[in-house]
Protein backbone atom coordinates (compact mmCIF):
# COMPACT_ATOMS: atom_id res chain seq x y z
CA MET A 1 -0.10 -0.06 0.02
CA PRO A 2 1.44 3.37 -0.92
CA ALA A 3 2.04 6.04 1.63
CA PRO A 4 -0.63 8.89 1.78
CA ALA A 5 1.99 11.46 0.32
CA GLN A 6 2.65 9.23 -2.60
CA THR A 7 -0.97 8.66 -3.32
CA PHE A 8 -1.64 12.33 -3.21
CA LEU A 9 1.21 13.09 -5.58
CA SER A 10 0.28 10.57 -7.99
CA LYS A 11 -3.17 12.00 -8.27
CA THR A 12 -2.09 15.57 -8.87
CA ARG A 13 -1.77 16.83 -12.41
CA PRO A 14 1.08 19.18 -13.44
CA ILE A 15 -0.05 22.63 -14.22
CA PRO A 16 0.34 23.44 -17.89
CA HIS A 17 2.86 26.20 -18.59
CA LEU A 18 3.50 26.81 -14.87
CA ARG A 19 6.69 28.68 -15.50
CA TRP A 20 4.78 31.27 -17.41
CA TRP A 21 2.19 31.67 -14.77
CA ILE A 22 4.98 32.31 -12.41
CA ALA A 23 6.60 34.68 -14.75
CA GLY A 24 3.22 36.57 -15.08
CA LEU A 25 3.06 36.78 -11.24
CA LEU A 26 6.59 38.13 -11.18
CA PHE A 27 5.41 40.59 -13.83
CA ALA A 28 2.54 41.70 -11.54
CA SER A 29 5.02 41.95 -8.61
CA THR A 30 7.29 44.22 -10.57
CA VAL A 31 4.29 46.41 -11.59
CA ILE A 32 3.20 46.82 -7.94
CA ASN A 33 6.71 47.39 -6.86
CA TYR A 34 6.99 50.40 -9.35
CA ILE A 35 3.59 51.69 -8.41
CA ASP A 36 4.85 51.82 -4.79
CA ARG A 37 8.02 53.55 -5.92
CA GLN A 38 6.30 56.18 -7.93
CA THR A 39 3.74 57.12 -5.29
CA LEU A 40 6.16 59.48 -3.42
CA ALA A 41 7.27 61.21 -6.74
CA LEU A 42 3.64 61.82 -7.80
CA LEU A 43 2.48 62.98 -4.28
CA ALA A 44 5.64 65.05 -3.66
CA PRO A 45 4.09 68.46 -4.34
CA PHE A 46 1.18 67.82 -2.11
CA LEU A 47 3.32 66.31 0.67
CA SER A 48 5.94 68.96 0.50
CA GLU A 49 3.31 71.68 0.91
CA THR A 50 1.54 69.91 3.72
CA TYR A 51 4.69 68.90 5.75
CA HIS A 52 6.72 71.97 4.59
CA TRP A 53 9.43 69.82 3.14
CA THR A 54 12.21 71.43 1.29
CA HIS A 55 13.87 70.00 -1.81
CA ALA A 56 16.68 68.70 0.32
CA ASP A 57 14.19 67.01 2.53
CA TYR A 58 12.51 65.25 -0.40
CA ALA A 59 16.09 64.31 -1.81
CA ASN A 60 16.91 62.72 1.54
CA LEU A 61 13.66 60.77 1.32
CA LEU A 62 14.73 59.32 -2.08
CA ILE A 63 18.15 58.68 -0.81
CA SER A 64 16.95 56.66 2.20
CA PHE A 65 14.89 54.53 -0.22
CA ARG A 66 17.90 54.05 -2.56
CA VAL A 67 20.39 53.28 0.15
CA ALA A 68 18.13 50.52 1.59
CA TYR A 69 17.41 49.23 -1.87
CA ALA A 70 21.17 49.07 -2.67
CA ILE A 71 22.06 47.31 0.59
CA GLY A 72 18.96 45.12 0.31
CA GLN A 73 19.83 43.81 -3.11
CA THR A 74 23.00 42.26 -1.92
CA VAL A 75 21.47 41.04 1.48
CA CYS A 76 18.35 39.85 -0.19
CA GLY A 77 20.11 38.04 -2.89
CA ARG A 78 21.64 35.97 -0.23
CA LEU A 79 18.42 35.41 1.44
CA ILE A 80 16.77 34.15 -1.74
CA ASP A 81 19.78 31.72 -1.98
CA ARG A 82 19.08 30.44 1.42
CA VAL A 83 15.26 30.32 1.65
CA GLY A 84 14.28 29.91 -1.97
CA THR A 85 12.51 32.07 -4.32
CA ARG A 86 8.88 31.30 -3.38
CA ARG A 87 9.49 31.93 0.32
CA GLY A 88 11.75 34.85 -0.10
CA LEU A 89 9.43 36.64 -2.51
CA SER A 90 6.41 35.99 -0.33
CA LEU A 91 8.16 37.45 2.67
CA SER A 92 9.19 40.48 0.54
CA VAL A 93 5.68 41.19 -0.64
CA PHE A 94 4.36 40.77 2.96
CA TRP A 95 7.01 43.05 4.17
CA TYR A 96 6.53 45.93 1.66
CA SER A 97 2.78 45.61 1.95
CA ILE A 98 2.91 46.04 5.73
CA VAL A 99 5.37 48.92 5.37
CA SER A 100 3.14 50.65 2.70
CA MET A 101 0.19 50.46 4.92
CA ALA A 102 2.26 51.84 7.88
CA ALA A 103 3.12 54.91 5.76
CA SER A 104 -0.44 56.22 6.44
CA LEU A 105 0.43 56.40 10.11
CA VAL A 106 3.43 58.52 9.85
CA ARG A 107 3.15 62.45 10.17
CA GLY A 108 6.71 63.69 9.89
CA PHE A 109 9.81 63.81 7.82
CA TYR A 110 11.73 61.25 9.91
CA GLY A 111 8.79 58.79 9.95
CA PHE A 112 8.54 59.09 6.22
CA ALA A 113 12.46 58.58 5.95
CA VAL A 114 12.17 55.37 7.94
CA ILE A 115 9.19 54.17 5.92
CA ARG A 116 10.89 54.88 2.67
CA PHE A 117 14.04 53.07 4.06
CA LEU A 118 12.06 49.97 5.05
CA LEU A 119 10.08 49.98 1.71
CA GLY A 120 13.46 50.15 -0.21
CA ALA A 121 14.69 47.16 1.83
CA GLY A 122 11.61 45.13 1.13
CA GLU A 123 11.22 45.75 -2.58
CA ALA A 124 14.91 45.01 -3.13
CA VAL A 125 14.07 41.24 -3.07
CA VAL A 126 12.04 41.33 -6.39
CA TYR A 127 14.91 41.40 -8.86
CA PRO A 128 17.23 38.78 -7.10
CA ALA A 129 14.11 36.53 -6.85
CA SER A 130 13.21 37.06 -10.37
CA ASN A 131 16.74 36.20 -11.53
CA GLN A 132 16.75 33.13 -9.30
CA PHE A 133 13.40 31.93 -10.80
CA VAL A 134 14.60 32.54 -14.43
CA ALA A 135 17.84 30.63 -13.77
CA ARG A 136 16.06 27.64 -12.19
CA TRP A 137 12.74 27.26 -14.15
CA ILE A 138 13.26 28.68 -17.71
CA PRO A 139 15.20 26.93 -20.29
CA ALA A 140 18.18 28.73 -21.68
CA GLN A 141 16.53 29.45 -25.08
CA GLU A 142 13.49 31.08 -23.33
CA ARG A 143 15.29 33.16 -20.54
CA GLY A 144 15.27 36.35 -22.72
CA LEU A 145 11.54 36.28 -23.19
CA ALA A 146 10.93 35.49 -19.52
CA ASN A 147 13.12 38.35 -18.33
CA GLY A 148 11.49 40.62 -20.88
CA TRP A 149 8.04 39.96 -19.50
CA ILE A 150 9.24 40.31 -15.88
CA PHE A 151 11.14 43.49 -16.47
CA ALA A 152 8.27 44.92 -18.72
CA GLY A 153 6.54 45.39 -15.27
CA VAL A 154 8.96 48.33 -14.68
CA GLY A 155 7.55 50.32 -17.59
CA ALA A 156 3.91 49.08 -16.85
CA GLY A 157 4.10 50.10 -13.30
CA ALA A 158 5.57 53.55 -14.08
CA GLY A 159 2.91 54.06 -16.73
CA LEU A 160 0.06 52.93 -14.57
CA SER A 161 1.12 55.02 -11.63
CA PRO A 162 -0.02 58.49 -12.65
CA PRO A 163 -3.61 57.67 -13.51
CA LEU A 164 -4.01 55.27 -10.43
CA ILE A 165 -2.34 57.60 -7.80
CA THR A 166 -3.41 61.15 -8.86
């Protein structure tokens, strides 16, 4: 008599074109990532007026994001190697979703700087995870197409941001 796990596995059917469904989810993740990124840029005039930020303050908010993003890409690349693409990307999406929601609670420059830093750290996982996915799941002759779809999310997110946010 087969073990229960073996019985279950033998009854499941593979998902057709699973790697392309995953590439589509990574495309969507990249779109969301870029919409998050563009939000501050689009709302900067209103936020600067409301909170009396100078151009230097706004630049420091951008720098806090980019410093965390640069550090996060290295650290998160290692994280993806250790915990795997699925778990690492899931943790990342959870992280930057919570941080994005927490942004509504802050009221001052330093709070925004911390939120932008944490957002940059969380969003840094997307590209190392996408590269790991492509390397492991996509045959060599299809990697250009897969990367093209995933990174097309950058343009789609940037293009969708203005009508969604303003």
